N, C-alpha and C. Protein backbone atom coordinates (compact mmCIF):
# COMPACT_ATOMS: atom_id res chain seq x y z
N MET A 1 91.54 81.21 87.80
CA MET A 1 92.63 80.77 88.66
C MET A 1 92.45 79.30 89.00
N LYS A 2 93.54 78.61 89.09
CA LYS A 2 93.50 77.21 89.47
C LYS A 2 94.04 77.04 90.87
N SER A 3 93.44 76.13 91.60
CA SER A 3 93.90 75.80 92.94
C SER A 3 95.26 75.13 92.87
N LYS A 4 96.14 75.49 93.80
CA LYS A 4 97.47 74.88 93.85
C LYS A 4 97.52 73.76 94.86
N GLY A 5 96.43 73.55 95.60
CA GLY A 5 96.39 72.49 96.59
C GLY A 5 95.58 72.94 97.78
N GLU A 6 95.74 72.25 98.87
CA GLU A 6 95.02 72.59 100.07
C GLU A 6 95.91 72.44 101.28
N VAL A 7 95.54 73.12 102.34
CA VAL A 7 96.28 73.04 103.59
C VAL A 7 95.30 72.62 104.67
N VAL A 8 95.57 71.51 105.31
CA VAL A 8 94.71 71.01 106.39
C VAL A 8 95.05 71.79 107.65
N LEU A 9 94.05 72.47 108.22
CA LEU A 9 94.28 73.27 109.42
C LEU A 9 93.88 72.54 110.70
N ALA A 10 92.93 71.61 110.62
CA ALA A 10 92.52 70.87 111.81
C ALA A 10 93.72 70.06 112.32
N GLY A 11 94.16 70.36 113.53
CA GLY A 11 95.31 69.67 114.11
C GLY A 11 96.65 70.30 113.77
N ALA A 12 96.63 71.42 113.07
CA ALA A 12 97.87 72.07 112.64
C ALA A 12 98.29 73.16 113.63
N THR A 13 99.52 73.63 113.46
CA THR A 13 100.03 74.78 114.19
C THR A 13 100.62 75.76 113.18
N VAL A 14 100.62 77.03 113.54
CA VAL A 14 101.17 78.06 112.66
C VAL A 14 102.16 78.89 113.45
N ALA A 15 103.25 79.29 112.80
CA ALA A 15 104.28 80.08 113.48
C ALA A 15 105.03 80.92 112.47
N VAL A 16 105.61 82.00 112.96
CA VAL A 16 106.47 82.85 112.14
C VAL A 16 107.76 82.09 111.88
N SER A 17 108.26 82.17 110.66
CA SER A 17 109.50 81.51 110.28
C SER A 17 110.60 82.55 110.05
N ASN A 18 111.72 82.34 110.69
CA ASN A 18 112.87 83.22 110.50
C ASN A 18 114.01 82.50 109.80
N THR A 19 113.71 81.39 109.14
CA THR A 19 114.75 80.58 108.52
C THR A 19 115.17 81.07 107.15
N ARG A 20 114.37 81.91 106.51
CA ARG A 20 114.69 82.38 105.16
C ARG A 20 115.17 83.82 105.23
N SER A 21 116.16 84.14 104.46
CA SER A 21 116.69 85.51 104.47
C SER A 21 116.55 86.20 103.11
N ASP A 22 115.70 85.65 102.27
CA ASP A 22 115.45 86.24 100.95
C ASP A 22 114.91 87.66 101.15
N SER A 23 115.64 88.66 100.72
CA SER A 23 115.26 90.04 100.99
C SER A 23 113.96 90.45 100.29
N ARG A 24 113.63 89.81 99.20
CA ARG A 24 112.40 90.17 98.49
C ARG A 24 111.15 89.64 99.20
N ARG A 25 111.29 88.52 99.88
CA ARG A 25 110.17 87.90 100.58
C ARG A 25 110.61 87.53 101.98
N ALA A 26 110.73 88.51 102.82
CA ALA A 26 111.30 88.29 104.15
C ALA A 26 110.26 87.93 105.21
N TYR A 27 108.99 87.87 104.86
CA TYR A 27 107.95 87.70 105.87
C TYR A 27 107.28 86.32 105.74
N TYR A 28 108.03 85.30 106.12
CA TYR A 28 107.57 83.93 106.01
C TYR A 28 106.85 83.47 107.26
N PHE A 29 105.90 82.54 107.06
CA PHE A 29 105.30 81.82 108.18
C PHE A 29 105.08 80.38 107.73
N ILE A 30 104.99 79.49 108.70
CA ILE A 30 104.85 78.07 108.38
C ILE A 30 103.61 77.50 109.06
N ILE A 31 103.02 76.54 108.39
CA ILE A 31 101.92 75.77 108.96
C ILE A 31 102.40 74.33 109.01
N LYS A 32 102.39 73.76 110.23
CA LYS A 32 102.84 72.37 110.42
C LYS A 32 101.65 71.50 110.79
N HIS A 33 101.58 70.35 110.16
CA HIS A 33 100.53 69.37 110.47
C HIS A 33 101.23 68.03 110.69
N PRO A 34 100.84 67.31 111.75
CA PRO A 34 101.54 66.05 112.05
C PRO A 34 101.47 65.01 110.94
N GLU A 35 100.43 65.01 110.13
CA GLU A 35 100.30 64.01 109.07
C GLU A 35 100.57 64.58 107.68
N CYS A 36 100.31 65.86 107.50
CA CYS A 36 100.42 66.47 106.16
C CYS A 36 101.74 67.20 105.94
N GLY A 37 102.55 67.34 106.99
CA GLY A 37 103.85 67.98 106.83
C GLY A 37 103.81 69.48 107.06
N THR A 38 104.85 70.14 106.58
CA THR A 38 105.04 71.57 106.79
C THR A 38 104.91 72.31 105.47
N ARG A 39 104.20 73.41 105.51
CA ARG A 39 104.06 74.29 104.34
C ARG A 39 104.58 75.67 104.73
N GLU A 40 105.29 76.29 103.82
CA GLU A 40 105.85 77.61 104.09
C GLU A 40 105.18 78.63 103.16
N PHE A 41 104.82 79.77 103.72
CA PHE A 41 104.15 80.84 102.99
C PHE A 41 104.87 82.14 103.24
N SER A 42 104.65 83.12 102.37
CA SER A 42 105.21 84.45 102.60
C SER A 42 104.12 85.50 102.44
N ALA A 43 104.27 86.57 103.17
CA ALA A 43 103.35 87.71 103.09
C ALA A 43 104.12 88.91 102.56
N LYS A 44 103.40 89.95 102.17
CA LYS A 44 104.04 91.13 101.59
C LYS A 44 104.63 92.07 102.63
N SER A 45 104.21 91.92 103.88
CA SER A 45 104.73 92.80 104.93
C SER A 45 104.62 92.10 106.28
N LYS A 46 105.29 92.67 107.26
CA LYS A 46 105.23 92.12 108.62
C LYS A 46 103.80 92.18 109.16
N THR A 47 103.11 93.26 108.85
CA THR A 47 101.73 93.43 109.30
C THR A 47 100.82 92.38 108.67
N ARG A 48 100.96 92.17 107.37
CA ARG A 48 100.13 91.16 106.69
C ARG A 48 100.43 89.76 107.21
N ARG A 49 101.70 89.48 107.48
CA ARG A 49 102.05 88.17 108.04
C ARG A 49 101.35 87.97 109.38
N LYS A 50 101.37 88.99 110.23
CA LYS A 50 100.71 88.89 111.53
C LYS A 50 99.21 88.65 111.35
N GLN A 51 98.61 89.34 110.39
CA GLN A 51 97.18 89.14 110.13
C GLN A 51 96.89 87.71 109.70
N TRP A 52 97.72 87.17 108.82
CA TRP A 52 97.56 85.78 108.38
C TRP A 52 97.71 84.82 109.55
N VAL A 53 98.76 84.96 110.33
CA VAL A 53 99.02 84.06 111.46
C VAL A 53 97.88 84.15 112.47
N ASP A 54 97.43 85.35 112.79
CA ASP A 54 96.33 85.52 113.74
C ASP A 54 95.05 84.86 113.23
N LYS A 55 94.72 85.06 111.97
CA LYS A 55 93.49 84.49 111.41
C LYS A 55 93.57 82.97 111.34
N ILE A 56 94.72 82.44 110.94
CA ILE A 56 94.86 80.98 110.87
C ILE A 56 94.77 80.39 112.27
N ASN A 57 95.40 81.02 113.26
CA ASN A 57 95.26 80.55 114.64
C ASN A 57 93.81 80.57 115.10
N TYR A 58 93.07 81.61 114.71
CA TYR A 58 91.66 81.71 115.05
C TYR A 58 90.88 80.52 114.47
N VAL A 59 91.12 80.21 113.21
CA VAL A 59 90.44 79.09 112.56
C VAL A 59 90.83 77.77 113.21
N ILE A 60 92.11 77.58 113.48
CA ILE A 60 92.57 76.35 114.12
C ILE A 60 91.90 76.17 115.48
N ASN A 61 91.83 77.23 116.26
CA ASN A 61 91.18 77.16 117.58
C ASN A 61 89.70 76.81 117.46
N ASN A 62 89.02 77.39 116.48
CA ASN A 62 87.60 77.08 116.28
C ASN A 62 87.41 75.64 115.83
N LEU A 63 88.30 75.13 114.98
CA LEU A 63 88.20 73.75 114.53
C LEU A 63 88.41 72.77 115.68
N SER A 64 89.27 73.12 116.62
CA SER A 64 89.54 72.22 117.75
C SER A 64 88.36 72.14 118.71
N GLN A 65 87.46 73.11 118.66
CA GLN A 65 86.28 73.11 119.53
C GLN A 65 85.12 72.32 118.93
N VAL A 66 85.22 72.00 117.64
CA VAL A 66 84.13 71.29 116.96
C VAL A 66 84.23 69.80 117.21
């Protein structure tokens, strides 16, 4: 597998996105960074999206304490 890029989490915020209505991929979330811009991701289910958002928030909070 090849890397498609990276997402900077230090200084970022993550939130559920309701802007897309694609029925095949309805569980979007976004990561916003003031310098790196906004990235949009999708999960396979509402539960998986919540797990991703919770874990990313956990990492962001830990990075802000360092």
